[in-house]
Amino acid sequence: METIMSMFATFVGFVGGVVLVTEFINKLFKVENSRVKWIISWVMSIGLAIVGFVLQLGIFADCGTVDQWFAWVKVVLIGVGCAFAANKTYDANEIWTALEWLFSFFEKEGKAKRIIMADEAKARRAARLK
């Protein structure tokens, strides 16, 4: 039971990490196209899964060794599962609002600008859901 709990915790943390890294890359390169954002998220999910496997981190430590082909299949499947979860999380309105607020601290505008941006983001998402 403890192994299952640690695997689940690793997966949840991995999904959250992919969402943060994807949003950082999108802000860094000013990506606006939604398809490009999805591609970045998928590449990051599978790429970070491979890095986790090579370093034998968390859930990837039980996959096997680098010279076993089936271990690579498991790692890619975990990366794909993470991509599905991360992309669904990436579309959630509350997550988006929180991420925009978090990344607004790295901009030079003041607190009022962050509040206005959060309100505008909520309005955009509400309009997109209609």
C-alpha atoms as a PDB file:
ATOM      1  CA  MET A   1       0.000   0.000   0.000  1.00  0.00           C
ATOM      2  CA  GLU A   2       2.849   2.363   0.768  1.00  0.00           C
ATOM      3  CA  THR A   3       4.322   1.818  -2.698  1.00  0.00           C
ATOM      4  CA  ILE A   4       1.018   2.653  -4.366  1.00  0.00           C
ATOM      5  CA  MET A   5       0.705   5.827  -2.293  1.00  0.00           C
ATOM      6  CA  SER A   6       4.232   6.927  -3.184  1.00  0.00           C
ATOM      7  CA  MET A   7       3.617   6.185  -6.884  1.00  0.00           C
ATOM      8  CA  PHE A   8       0.422   8.246  -6.822  1.00  0.00           C
ATOM      9  CA  ALA A   9       2.176  11.104  -5.009  1.00  0.00           C
ATOM     10  CA  THR A  10       5.009  11.072  -7.546  1.00  0.00           C
ATOM     11  CA  PHE A  11       2.544  11.120 -10.443  1.00  0.00           C
ATOM     12  CA  VAL A  12       0.579  14.029  -8.975  1.00  0.00           C
ATOM     13  CA  GLY A  13       3.767  15.980  -8.332  1.00  0.00           C
ATOM     14  CA  PHE A  14       4.976  15.172 -11.829  1.00  0.00           C
ATOM     15  CA  VAL A  15       1.756  16.512 -13.381  1.00  0.00           C
ATOM     16  CA  GLY A  16       2.047  19.722 -11.366  1.00  0.00           C
ATOM     17  CA  GLY A  17       5.675  20.105 -12.385  1.00  0.00           C
ATOM     18  CA  VAL A  18       4.836  19.662 -16.060  1.00  0.00           C
ATOM     19  CA  VAL A  19       2.139  22.340 -15.830  1.00  0.00           C
ATOM     20  CA  LEU A  20       4.575  24.790 -14.194  1.00  0.00           C
ATOM     21  CA  VAL A  21       7.412  24.090 -16.646  1.00  0.00           C
ATOM     22  CA  THR A  22       5.050  24.348 -19.625  1.00  0.00           C
ATOM     23  CA  GLU A  23       3.660  27.666 -18.428  1.00  0.00           C
ATOM     24  CA  PHE A  24       7.184  28.976 -17.805  1.00  0.00           C
ATOM     25  CA  ILE A  25       8.243  28.050 -21.357  1.00  0.00           C
ATOM     26  CA  ASN A  26       5.068  29.573 -22.822  1.00  0.00           C
ATOM     27  CA  LYS A  27       5.694  32.844 -20.960  1.00  0.00           C
ATOM     28  CA  LEU A  28       9.403  32.840 -21.789  1.00  0.00           C
ATOM     29  CA  PHE A  29       8.846  32.448 -25.535  1.00  0.00           C
ATOM     30  CA  LYS A  30       5.491  34.317 -25.576  1.00  0.00           C
ATOM     31  CA  VAL A  31       3.600  31.390 -27.119  1.00  0.00           C
ATOM     32  CA  GLU A  32       0.014  32.334 -28.016  1.00  0.00           C
ATOM     33  CA  ASN A  33      -1.114  29.471 -30.270  1.00  0.00           C
ATOM     34  CA  SER A  34      -3.043  26.849 -28.283  1.00  0.00           C
ATOM     35  CA  ARG A  35      -1.811  23.964 -30.451  1.00  0.00           C
ATOM     36  CA  VAL A  36       1.796  24.936 -29.849  1.00  0.00           C
ATOM     37  CA  LYS A  37       1.076  25.086 -26.113  1.00  0.00           C
ATOM     38  CA  TRP A  38      -0.317  21.543 -26.231  1.00  0.00           C
ATOM     39  CA  ILE A  39       2.715  20.300 -28.167  1.00  0.00           C
ATOM     40  CA  ILE A  40       5.068  21.889 -25.649  1.00  0.00           C
ATOM     41  CA  SER A  41       3.133  20.231 -22.822  1.00  0.00           C
ATOM     42  CA  TRP A  42       3.307  16.792 -24.469  1.00  0.00           C
ATOM     43  CA  VAL A  43       7.015  17.090 -25.238  1.00  0.00           C
ATOM     44  CA  MET A  44       7.733  18.270 -21.689  1.00  0.00           C
ATOM     45  CA  SER A  45       5.722  15.389 -20.178  1.00  0.00           C
ATOM     46  CA  ILE A  46       7.528  12.691 -22.099  1.00  0.00           C
ATOM     47  CA  GLY A  47      10.905  14.445 -21.847  1.00  0.00           C
ATOM     48  CA  LEU A  48      10.670  14.889 -18.081  1.00  0.00           C
ATOM     49  CA  ALA A  49       9.553  11.259 -17.750  1.00  0.00           C
ATOM     50  CA  ILE A  50      12.705  10.161 -19.565  1.00  0.00           C
ATOM     51  CA  VAL A  51      14.862  12.373 -17.328  1.00  0.00           C
ATOM     52  CA  GLY A  52      13.144  10.924 -14.244  1.00  0.00           C
ATOM     53  CA  PHE A  53      13.775   7.409 -15.523  1.00  0.00           C
ATOM     54  CA  VAL A  54      17.446   8.000 -16.249  1.00  0.00           C
ATOM     55  CA  LEU A  55      17.880   9.503 -12.770  1.00  0.00           C
ATOM     56  CA  GLN A  56      15.677   6.770 -11.209  1.00  0.00           C
ATOM     57  CA  LEU A  57      13.382   9.257  -9.457  1.00  0.00           C
ATOM     58  CA  GLY A  58      10.120   8.330  -7.693  1.00  0.00           C
ATOM     59  CA  ILE A  59       7.720   6.284  -9.797  1.00  0.00           C
ATOM     60  CA  PHE A  60      10.408   5.739 -12.435  1.00  0.00           C
ATOM     61  CA  ALA A  61      12.696   3.874 -10.029  1.00  0.00           C
ATOM     62  CA  ASP A  62      10.409   0.827 -10.303  1.00  0.00           C
ATOM     63  CA  CYS A  63      10.329   0.787 -14.115  1.00  0.00           C
ATOM     64  CA  GLY A  64      13.567  -1.148 -14.603  1.00  0.00           C
ATOM     65  CA  THR A  65      16.986  -0.332 -15.953  1.00  0.00           C
ATOM     66  CA  VAL A  66      17.978   1.739 -18.959  1.00  0.00           C
ATOM     67  CA  ASP A  67      19.019  -1.303 -21.019  1.00  0.00           C
ATOM     68  CA  GLN A  68      15.555  -2.964 -20.815  1.00  0.00           C
ATOM     69  CA  TRP A  69      13.269  -2.075 -23.718  1.00  0.00           C
ATOM     70  CA  PHE A  70      10.074  -2.704 -21.746  1.00  0.00           C
ATOM     71  CA  ALA A  71      11.215  -0.180 -19.119  1.00  0.00           C
ATOM     72  CA  TRP A  72      11.295   2.464 -21.845  1.00  0.00           C
ATOM     73  CA  VAL A  73       7.758   1.496 -22.904  1.00  0.00           C
ATOM     74  CA  LYS A  74       6.552   1.961 -19.306  1.00  0.00           C
ATOM     75  CA  VAL A  75       8.286   5.324 -19.044  1.00  0.00           C
ATOM     76  CA  VAL A  76       6.751   6.606 -22.272  1.00  0.00           C
ATOM     77  CA  LEU A  77       3.312   5.380 -21.159  1.00  0.00           C
ATOM     78  CA  ILE A  78       3.698   7.181 -17.835  1.00  0.00           C
ATOM     79  CA  GLY A  79       4.756  10.303 -19.758  1.00  0.00           C
ATOM     80  CA  VAL A  80       1.700  10.020 -22.023  1.00  0.00           C
ATOM     81  CA  GLY A  81      -0.569   9.548 -18.998  1.00  0.00           C
ATOM     82  CA  CYS A  82       0.993  12.587 -17.398  1.00  0.00           C
ATOM     83  CA  ALA A  83       0.473  14.550 -20.613  1.00  0.00           C
ATOM     84  CA  PHE A  84      -3.233  13.678 -20.588  1.00  0.00           C
ATOM     85  CA  ALA A  85      -3.543  14.722 -16.943  1.00  0.00           C
ATOM     86  CA  ALA A  86      -1.411  17.845 -17.363  1.00  0.00           C
ATOM     87  CA  ASN A  87      -3.324  19.043 -20.410  1.00  0.00           C
ATOM     88  CA  LYS A  88      -6.643  18.619 -18.641  1.00  0.00           C
ATOM     89  CA  THR A  89      -5.225  20.444 -15.629  1.00  0.00           C
ATOM     90  CA  TYR A  90      -3.763  23.061 -17.952  1.00  0.00           C
ATOM     91  CA  ASP A  91      -7.262  23.858 -19.232  1.00  0.00           C
ATOM     92  CA  ALA A  92      -8.798  24.322 -15.770  1.00  0.00           C
ATOM     93  CA  ASN A  93      -9.833  27.929 -15.160  1.00  0.00           C
ATOM     94  CA  GLU A  94      -8.757  28.066 -11.533  1.00  0.00           C
ATOM     95  CA  ILE A  95      -5.297  26.702 -12.342  1.00  0.00           C
ATOM     96  CA  TRP A  96      -4.884  29.227 -15.147  1.00  0.00           C
ATOM     97  CA  THR A  97      -5.879  32.129 -12.932  1.00  0.00           C
ATOM     98  CA  ALA A  98      -3.476  31.004 -10.193  1.00  0.00           C
ATOM     99  CA  LEU A  99      -0.613  30.563 -12.685  1.00  0.00           C
ATOM    100  CA  GLU A 100      -1.176  33.976 -14.258  1.00  0.00           C
ATOM    101  CA  TRP A 101      -1.221  35.548 -10.804  1.00  0.00           C
ATOM    102  CA  LEU A 102       1.959  33.688  -9.818  1.00  0.00           C
ATOM    103  CA  PHE A 103       3.862  34.679 -12.963  1.00  0.00           C
ATOM    104  CA  SER A 104       2.686  38.279 -12.649  1.00  0.00           C
ATOM    105  CA  PHE A 105       5.088  38.665  -9.709  1.00  0.00           C
ATOM    106  CA  PHE A 106       7.967  38.373 -12.164  1.00  0.00           C
ATOM    107  CA  GLU A 107       6.712  41.296 -14.205  1.00  0.00           C
ATOM    108  CA  LYS A 108       7.564  44.902 -13.394  1.00  0.00           C
ATOM    109  CA  GLU A 109       3.985  46.158 -13.045  1.00  0.00           C
ATOM    110  CA  GLY A 110       2.503  46.697  -9.611  1.00  0.00           C
ATOM    111  CA  LYS A 111      -0.151  44.905  -7.585  1.00  0.00           C
ATOM    112  CA  ALA A 112      -3.034  46.741  -9.249  1.00  0.00           C
ATOM    113  CA  LYS A 113      -1.931  45.402 -12.627  1.00  0.00           C
ATOM    114  CA  ARG A 114      -1.933  41.833 -11.226  1.00  0.00           C
ATOM    115  CA  ILE A 115      -5.481  42.211  -9.932  1.00  0.00           C
ATOM    116  CA  ILE A 116      -6.699  43.626 -13.239  1.00  0.00           C
ATOM    117  CA  MET A 117      -4.941  40.824 -15.144  1.00  0.00           C
ATOM    118  CA  ALA A 118      -6.596  38.179 -12.941  1.00  0.00           C
ATOM    119  CA  ASP A 119     -10.035  39.722 -13.517  1.00  0.00           C
ATOM    120  CA  GLU A 120      -9.418  39.913 -17.270  1.00  0.00           C
ATOM    121  CA  ALA A 121      -8.247  36.285 -17.319  1.00  0.00           C
ATOM    122  CA  LYS A 122     -11.425  35.165 -15.554  1.00  0.00           C
ATOM    123  CA  ALA A 123     -13.534  37.092 -18.063  1.00  0.00           C
ATOM    124  CA  ARG A 124     -11.666  35.571 -21.019  1.00  0.00           C
ATOM    125  CA  ARG A 125     -12.112  32.065 -19.672  1.00  0.00           C
ATOM    126  CA  ALA A 126     -15.789  32.617 -18.959  1.00  0.00           C
ATOM    127  CA  ALA A 127     -16.274  33.863 -22.528  1.00  0.00           C
ATOM    128  CA  ARG A 128     -14.348  30.897 -23.906  1.00  0.00           C
ATOM    129  CA  LEU A 129     -16.525  28.416 -21.994  1.00  0.00           C
ATOM    130  CA  LYS A 130     -19.793  29.849 -23.401  1.00  0.00           C
END
